[in-house]
Amino acid sequence: MEWYKDSTGNELQVRYSKGFNADGTSTSDIYLIKADWSSITDEWLNITVQATFAEEGAFYMQISRMQDNAILVDINEPVIDMWRGVSSEDFVRPKWGIYRSLADGDSLRSEEEQVRFADFVVEKGTAGN
């Protein structure tokens, strides 16, 4: 699961990859959301994400603007493959932040490279909680 701004700087995207085809090639990404980046620029947001990492996992994400509680993103995938591995040595490495492509360094804008976190919590839970 990836959440990032696209290389044009105009969209917030949440993309999902099913992993690999039987022949070993990568599958195409599925966009769970594409949102106008300007709707969250210079705003404090309340973001809730709940993920169940399993072959039949789940993913929930809601982003609301704190100023007026407007819901900007609402994703609810109750049955989604959130596990890529097949052995006990496989693991999940979640990431948070803004990700940019370095393929076109001239398109990076330093004024947009700050993410400020407040009340950030990551908790391990049990399925169904």
N, C-alpha and C. Protein backbone atom coordinates (compact mmCIF):
# COMPACT_ATOMS: atom_id res chain seq x y z
N MET A 1 0.85 -1.16 0.00
CA MET A 1 0.00 0.00 0.00
C MET A 1 0.89 1.22 0.00
N GLU A 2 0.67 2.12 -0.89
CA GLU A 2 1.45 3.34 -0.96
C GLU A 2 0.51 4.54 -0.94
N TRP A 3 0.94 5.56 -0.25
CA TRP A 3 0.19 6.80 -0.20
C TRP A 3 1.18 7.90 -0.53
N TYR A 4 1.01 8.57 -1.63
CA TYR A 4 1.97 9.59 -1.99
C TYR A 4 1.41 10.55 -3.02
N LYS A 5 2.16 11.60 -3.20
CA LYS A 5 1.83 12.62 -4.20
C LYS A 5 2.43 12.17 -5.52
N ASP A 6 1.70 12.28 -6.60
CA ASP A 6 2.23 11.84 -7.90
C ASP A 6 3.32 12.78 -8.38
N SER A 7 4.04 12.36 -9.42
CA SER A 7 5.21 13.11 -9.88
C SER A 7 4.85 14.47 -10.47
N THR A 8 3.61 14.68 -10.87
CA THR A 8 3.23 16.00 -11.39
C THR A 8 2.97 16.99 -10.27
N GLY A 9 2.79 16.50 -9.05
CA GLY A 9 2.55 17.38 -7.92
C GLY A 9 1.11 17.78 -7.76
N ASN A 10 0.19 17.13 -8.46
CA ASN A 10 -1.21 17.55 -8.43
C ASN A 10 -2.16 16.57 -7.73
N GLU A 11 -1.70 15.37 -7.42
CA GLU A 11 -2.59 14.36 -6.86
C GLU A 11 -2.00 13.68 -5.64
N LEU A 12 -2.87 13.39 -4.70
CA LEU A 12 -2.57 12.48 -3.61
C LEU A 12 -3.12 11.14 -4.06
N GLN A 13 -2.30 10.10 -3.98
CA GLN A 13 -2.74 8.79 -4.44
C GLN A 13 -2.52 7.75 -3.36
N VAL A 14 -3.45 6.82 -3.26
CA VAL A 14 -3.24 5.61 -2.47
C VAL A 14 -3.31 4.48 -3.47
N ARG A 15 -2.17 3.80 -3.61
CA ARG A 15 -2.08 2.73 -4.60
C ARG A 15 -1.85 1.40 -3.90
N TYR A 16 -2.36 0.37 -4.51
CA TYR A 16 -2.26 -0.97 -3.98
C TYR A 16 -1.67 -1.88 -5.05
N SER A 17 -0.74 -2.71 -4.66
CA SER A 17 -0.13 -3.66 -5.59
C SER A 17 -0.47 -5.06 -5.15
N LYS A 18 -0.99 -5.85 -6.06
CA LYS A 18 -1.31 -7.24 -5.74
C LYS A 18 -0.06 -8.11 -5.66
N GLY A 19 1.07 -7.57 -6.10
CA GLY A 19 2.31 -8.33 -6.01
C GLY A 19 2.79 -8.81 -7.35
N PHE A 20 2.78 -10.13 -7.54
CA PHE A 20 3.37 -10.71 -8.74
C PHE A 20 2.42 -11.69 -9.40
N ASN A 21 2.53 -11.77 -10.72
CA ASN A 21 1.80 -12.77 -11.49
C ASN A 21 2.50 -14.12 -11.35
N ALA A 22 1.83 -15.18 -11.82
CA ALA A 22 2.39 -16.53 -11.73
C ALA A 22 3.74 -16.64 -12.45
N ASP A 23 3.95 -15.83 -13.50
CA ASP A 23 5.21 -15.88 -14.25
C ASP A 23 6.31 -15.03 -13.62
N GLY A 24 6.03 -14.39 -12.47
CA GLY A 24 7.03 -13.60 -11.76
C GLY A 24 7.05 -12.13 -12.11
N THR A 25 6.25 -11.70 -13.09
CA THR A 25 6.19 -10.28 -13.44
C THR A 25 5.31 -9.54 -12.44
N SER A 26 5.59 -8.26 -12.27
CA SER A 26 4.81 -7.44 -11.34
C SER A 26 3.42 -7.18 -11.88
N THR A 27 2.45 -7.11 -11.00
CA THR A 27 1.09 -6.74 -11.40
C THR A 27 1.00 -5.22 -11.50
N SER A 28 0.01 -4.74 -12.18
CA SER A 28 -0.23 -3.30 -12.25
C SER A 28 -0.83 -2.82 -10.94
N ASP A 29 -0.50 -1.60 -10.56
CA ASP A 29 -1.06 -1.03 -9.34
C ASP A 29 -2.54 -0.70 -9.54
N ILE A 30 -3.28 -0.79 -8.45
CA ILE A 30 -4.69 -0.41 -8.41
C ILE A 30 -4.77 0.86 -7.57
N TYR A 31 -5.43 1.87 -8.10
CA TYR A 31 -5.59 3.13 -7.37
C TYR A 31 -6.83 3.02 -6.49
N LEU A 32 -6.62 3.08 -5.18
CA LEU A 32 -7.75 3.08 -4.25
C LEU A 32 -8.34 4.48 -4.13
N ILE A 33 -7.51 5.49 -4.36
CA ILE A 33 -7.98 6.87 -4.34
C ILE A 33 -7.02 7.75 -5.11
N LYS A 34 -7.57 8.73 -5.79
CA LYS A 34 -6.82 9.83 -6.37
C LYS A 34 -7.55 11.09 -5.91
N ALA A 35 -6.84 11.97 -5.24
CA ALA A 35 -7.47 13.18 -4.71
C ALA A 35 -6.64 14.40 -5.10
N ASP A 36 -7.28 15.53 -5.20
CA ASP A 36 -6.62 16.79 -5.53
C ASP A 36 -5.69 17.19 -4.38
N TRP A 37 -4.41 17.32 -4.67
CA TRP A 37 -3.41 17.66 -3.66
C TRP A 37 -3.73 18.98 -2.97
N SER A 38 -4.32 19.93 -3.70
CA SER A 38 -4.59 21.24 -3.12
C SER A 38 -5.62 21.17 -1.99
N SER A 39 -6.41 20.09 -1.92
CA SER A 39 -7.41 19.97 -0.85
C SER A 39 -6.77 19.71 0.51
N ILE A 40 -5.49 19.35 0.54
CA ILE A 40 -4.82 19.11 1.83
C ILE A 40 -3.61 20.00 2.06
N THR A 41 -3.26 20.82 1.09
CA THR A 41 -2.10 21.69 1.22
C THR A 41 -2.32 22.71 2.33
N ASP A 42 -1.33 22.87 3.17
CA ASP A 42 -1.36 23.84 4.28
C ASP A 42 -2.54 23.62 5.23
N GLU A 43 -2.91 22.38 5.42
CA GLU A 43 -4.01 22.03 6.32
C GLU A 43 -3.52 21.03 7.37
N TRP A 44 -4.08 21.12 8.59
CA TRP A 44 -3.90 20.08 9.57
C TRP A 44 -4.96 19.03 9.28
N LEU A 45 -4.54 17.79 9.27
CA LEU A 45 -5.43 16.69 8.92
C LEU A 45 -5.51 15.68 10.05
N ASN A 46 -6.63 15.02 10.14
CA ASN A 46 -6.78 13.88 11.02
C ASN A 46 -6.80 12.66 10.10
N ILE A 47 -5.83 11.77 10.27
CA ILE A 47 -5.71 10.60 9.41
C ILE A 47 -5.77 9.36 10.27
N THR A 48 -6.69 8.48 9.93
CA THR A 48 -6.81 7.20 10.62
C THR A 48 -6.59 6.10 9.59
N VAL A 49 -5.67 5.20 9.90
CA VAL A 49 -5.41 4.06 9.04
C VAL A 49 -5.43 2.81 9.90
N GLN A 50 -6.15 1.81 9.44
CA GLN A 50 -6.15 0.52 10.12
C GLN A 50 -5.91 -0.53 9.05
N ALA A 51 -4.86 -1.31 9.24
CA ALA A 51 -4.50 -2.34 8.27
C ALA A 51 -4.37 -3.68 8.97
N THR A 52 -4.92 -4.69 8.36
CA THR A 52 -4.75 -6.06 8.83
C THR A 52 -3.88 -6.75 7.79
N PHE A 53 -2.66 -7.10 8.19
CA PHE A 53 -1.71 -7.69 7.26
C PHE A 53 -1.88 -9.20 7.25
N ALA A 54 -2.56 -9.69 6.20
CA ALA A 54 -2.83 -11.11 6.03
C ALA A 54 -3.20 -11.34 4.57
N GLU A 55 -3.20 -12.61 4.14
CA GLU A 55 -3.61 -12.93 2.77
C GLU A 55 -5.03 -12.40 2.50
N GLU A 56 -5.91 -12.54 3.48
CA GLU A 56 -7.25 -11.95 3.40
C GLU A 56 -7.32 -10.88 4.47
N GLY A 57 -6.58 -9.81 4.23
CA GLY A 57 -6.49 -8.72 5.18
C GLY A 57 -7.54 -7.66 4.95
N ALA A 58 -7.30 -6.49 5.51
CA ALA A 58 -8.24 -5.38 5.38
C ALA A 58 -7.44 -4.08 5.41
N PHE A 59 -8.03 -3.03 4.80
CA PHE A 59 -7.40 -1.72 4.82
C PHE A 59 -8.48 -0.67 4.92
N TYR A 60 -8.32 0.21 5.90
CA TYR A 60 -9.25 1.31 6.13
C TYR A 60 -8.42 2.58 6.26
N MET A 61 -8.82 3.63 5.59
CA MET A 61 -8.14 4.92 5.72
C MET A 61 -9.16 6.04 5.58
N GLN A 62 -9.11 6.95 6.52
CA GLN A 62 -9.97 8.13 6.43
C GLN A 62 -9.10 9.36 6.71
N ILE A 63 -9.22 10.36 5.85
CA ILE A 63 -8.53 11.62 6.03
C ILE A 63 -9.59 12.72 6.11
N SER A 64 -9.55 13.47 7.19
CA SER A 64 -10.47 14.59 7.33
C SER A 64 -9.67 15.85 7.66
N ARG A 65 -10.19 16.96 7.22
CA ARG A 65 -9.57 18.26 7.48
C ARG A 65 -10.02 18.72 8.86
N MET A 66 -9.08 19.07 9.73
CA MET A 66 -9.42 19.43 11.11
C MET A 66 -10.21 20.73 11.19
N GLN A 67 -9.99 21.63 10.27
CA GLN A 67 -10.66 22.94 10.28
C GLN A 67 -12.18 22.81 10.26
N ASP A 68 -12.70 21.90 9.42
CA ASP A 68 -14.15 21.77 9.27
C ASP A 68 -14.66 20.33 9.32
N ASN A 69 -13.78 19.39 9.66
CA ASN A 69 -14.11 17.96 9.74
C ASN A 69 -14.57 17.37 8.42
N ALA A 70 -14.31 18.04 7.32
CA ALA A 70 -14.69 17.50 6.00
C ALA A 70 -13.88 16.25 5.71
N ILE A 71 -14.56 15.20 5.29
CA ILE A 71 -13.89 13.95 4.94
C ILE A 71 -13.38 14.07 3.51
N LEU A 72 -12.07 13.96 3.35
CA LEU A 72 -11.43 14.12 2.05
C LEU A 72 -11.13 12.79 1.38
N VAL A 73 -10.83 11.78 2.19
CA VAL A 73 -10.53 10.44 1.68
C VAL A 73 -11.22 9.44 2.60
N ASP A 74 -11.89 8.48 2.00
CA ASP A 74 -12.56 7.44 2.79
C ASP A 74 -12.42 6.12 2.03
N ILE A 75 -11.53 5.27 2.49
CA ILE A 75 -11.28 3.99 1.85
C ILE A 75 -11.65 2.89 2.83
N ASN A 76 -12.40 1.91 2.38
CA ASN A 76 -12.76 0.76 3.21
C ASN A 76 -12.68 -0.48 2.33
N GLU A 77 -11.60 -1.22 2.48
CA GLU A 77 -11.39 -2.47 1.74
C GLU A 77 -11.41 -3.61 2.76
N PRO A 78 -12.59 -4.23 3.00
CA PRO A 78 -12.69 -5.23 4.06
C PRO A 78 -12.02 -6.56 3.74
N VAL A 79 -11.80 -6.88 2.46
CA VAL A 79 -11.11 -8.11 2.08
C VAL A 79 -10.11 -7.75 0.97
N ILE A 80 -8.84 -7.68 1.35
CA ILE A 80 -7.80 -7.31 0.40
C ILE A 80 -6.51 -8.03 0.80
N ASP A 81 -5.77 -8.53 -0.17
CA ASP A 81 -4.53 -9.26 0.10
C ASP A 81 -3.46 -8.27 0.55
N MET A 82 -3.14 -8.30 1.83
CA MET A 82 -2.16 -7.38 2.40
C MET A 82 -0.86 -8.09 2.77
N TRP A 83 -0.63 -9.28 2.20
CA TRP A 83 0.57 -10.04 2.53
C TRP A 83 1.22 -10.53 1.24
N ARG A 84 2.49 -10.29 1.10
CA ARG A 84 3.21 -10.68 -0.12
C ARG A 84 4.02 -11.95 0.05
N GLY A 85 4.24 -12.38 1.25
CA GLY A 85 5.15 -13.50 1.47
C GLY A 85 4.46 -14.83 1.62
N VAL A 86 5.29 -15.87 1.65
CA VAL A 86 4.77 -17.22 1.84
C VAL A 86 5.52 -17.95 2.94
N SER A 87 6.57 -17.35 3.49
CA SER A 87 7.35 -18.02 4.53
C SER A 87 7.26 -17.26 5.84
N SER A 88 7.68 -17.91 6.91
CA SER A 88 7.64 -17.27 8.23
C SER A 88 8.67 -16.15 8.35
N GLU A 89 9.59 -16.05 7.40
CA GLU A 89 10.61 -15.00 7.43
C GLU A 89 10.15 -13.72 6.75
N ASP A 90 9.00 -13.73 6.09
CA ASP A 90 8.48 -12.54 5.44
C ASP A 90 7.93 -11.59 6.50
N PHE A 91 7.97 -10.30 6.18
CA PHE A 91 7.50 -9.30 7.14
C PHE A 91 6.93 -8.10 6.40
N VAL A 92 6.31 -7.21 7.17
CA VAL A 92 5.71 -5.99 6.63
C VAL A 92 6.52 -4.82 7.14
N ARG A 93 6.79 -3.85 6.27
CA ARG A 93 7.54 -2.67 6.64
C ARG A 93 6.74 -1.44 6.21
N PRO A 94 5.81 -0.96 7.05
CA PRO A 94 5.03 0.21 6.67
C PRO A 94 5.89 1.47 6.65
N LYS A 95 5.46 2.46 5.86
CA LYS A 95 6.18 3.72 5.73
C LYS A 95 5.18 4.86 5.82
N TRP A 96 5.62 5.99 6.38
CA TRP A 96 4.79 7.18 6.45
C TRP A 96 5.62 8.36 5.96
N GLY A 97 5.01 9.24 5.19
CA GLY A 97 5.71 10.43 4.75
C GLY A 97 5.32 10.81 3.34
N ILE A 98 6.09 11.70 2.76
CA ILE A 98 5.90 12.12 1.37
C ILE A 98 6.98 11.44 0.55
N TYR A 99 6.58 10.82 -0.54
CA TYR A 99 7.53 10.15 -1.41
C TYR A 99 7.51 10.82 -2.77
N ARG A 100 8.69 11.04 -3.31
CA ARG A 100 8.82 11.68 -4.61
C ARG A 100 9.73 10.82 -5.48
N SER A 101 9.51 10.92 -6.75
CA SER A 101 10.40 10.27 -7.71
C SER A 101 11.63 11.13 -7.88
N LEU A 102 12.80 10.52 -7.84
CA LEU A 102 14.03 11.25 -8.06
C LEU A 102 14.42 11.24 -9.53
N ALA A 103 13.57 10.63 -10.37
CA ALA A 103 13.86 10.56 -11.80
C ALA A 103 13.93 11.95 -12.42
N ASP A 104 13.15 12.89 -11.87
CA ASP A 104 13.16 14.25 -12.38
C ASP A 104 13.37 15.19 -11.20
N GLY A 105 14.62 15.33 -10.78
CA GLY A 105 14.96 16.13 -9.61
C GLY A 105 14.55 17.58 -9.72
N ASP A 106 14.43 18.11 -10.93
CA ASP A 106 14.04 19.50 -11.12
C ASP A 106 12.59 19.76 -10.72
N SER A 107 11.78 18.68 -10.64
CA SER A 107 10.37 18.87 -10.29
C SER A 107 10.14 18.86 -8.78
N LEU A 108 11.17 18.56 -7.98
CA LEU A 108 11.03 18.58 -6.53
C LEU A 108 10.93 20.02 -6.05
N ARG A 109 10.02 20.25 -5.11
CA ARG A 109 9.80 21.61 -4.60
C ARG A 109 10.03 21.61 -3.09
N SER A 110 11.08 22.27 -2.67
CA SER A 110 11.47 22.25 -1.26
C SER A 110 10.38 22.79 -0.34
N GLU A 111 9.56 23.71 -0.82
CA GLU A 111 8.51 24.27 0.04
C GLU A 111 7.43 23.24 0.38
N GLU A 112 7.41 22.12 -0.30
CA GLU A 112 6.42 21.07 -0.03
C GLU A 112 7.02 19.85 0.63
N GLU A 113 8.24 19.93 1.07
CA GLU A 113 8.91 18.76 1.59
C GLU A 113 8.77 18.59 3.10
N GLN A 114 7.89 19.33 3.74
CA GLN A 114 7.71 19.20 5.18
C GLN A 114 6.41 18.49 5.49
N VAL A 115 6.51 17.54 6.41
CA VAL A 115 5.33 16.88 6.98
C VAL A 115 5.47 17.02 8.48
N ARG A 116 4.48 17.58 9.11
CA ARG A 116 4.52 17.75 10.56
C ARG A 116 3.52 16.79 11.19
N PHE A 117 4.01 15.99 12.12
CA PHE A 117 3.17 15.02 12.79
C PHE A 117 2.89 15.47 14.21
N ALA A 118 1.68 15.26 14.67
CA ALA A 118 1.31 15.50 16.06
C ALA A 118 0.42 14.35 16.49
N ASP A 119 0.57 13.91 17.71
CA ASP A 119 -0.24 12.82 18.25
C ASP A 119 -0.19 11.59 17.34
N PHE A 120 1.00 11.22 16.91
CA PHE A 120 1.21 10.10 16.00
C PHE A 120 1.35 8.82 16.83
N VAL A 121 0.52 7.85 16.55
CA VAL A 121 0.52 6.60 17.30
C VAL A 121 0.47 5.42 16.34
N VAL A 122 1.30 4.43 16.61
CA VAL A 122 1.24 3.16 15.89
C VAL A 122 1.04 2.10 16.96
N GLU A 123 -0.03 1.33 16.81
CA GLU A 123 -0.33 0.31 17.81
C GLU A 123 -0.52 -1.03 17.13
N LYS A 124 -0.02 -2.06 17.76
CA LYS A 124 -0.28 -3.42 17.30
C LYS A 124 -1.59 -3.85 17.93
N GLY A 125 -2.47 -4.39 17.11
CA GLY A 125 -3.76 -4.83 17.61
C GLY A 125 -3.99 -6.29 17.22
N THR A 126 -5.19 -6.71 17.40
CA THR A 126 -5.59 -8.05 16.99
C THR A 126 -6.66 -7.91 15.93
N ALA A 127 -6.81 -8.92 15.12
CA ALA A 127 -7.81 -8.88 14.03
C ALA A 127 -9.18 -8.57 14.61
N GLY A 128 -9.88 -7.65 13.96
CA GLY A 128 -11.22 -7.29 14.40
C GLY A 128 -11.26 -6.12 15.36
N ASN A 129 -10.10 -5.62 15.77
CA ASN A 129 -10.07 -4.48 16.70
C ASN A 129 -9.57 -3.24 16.02
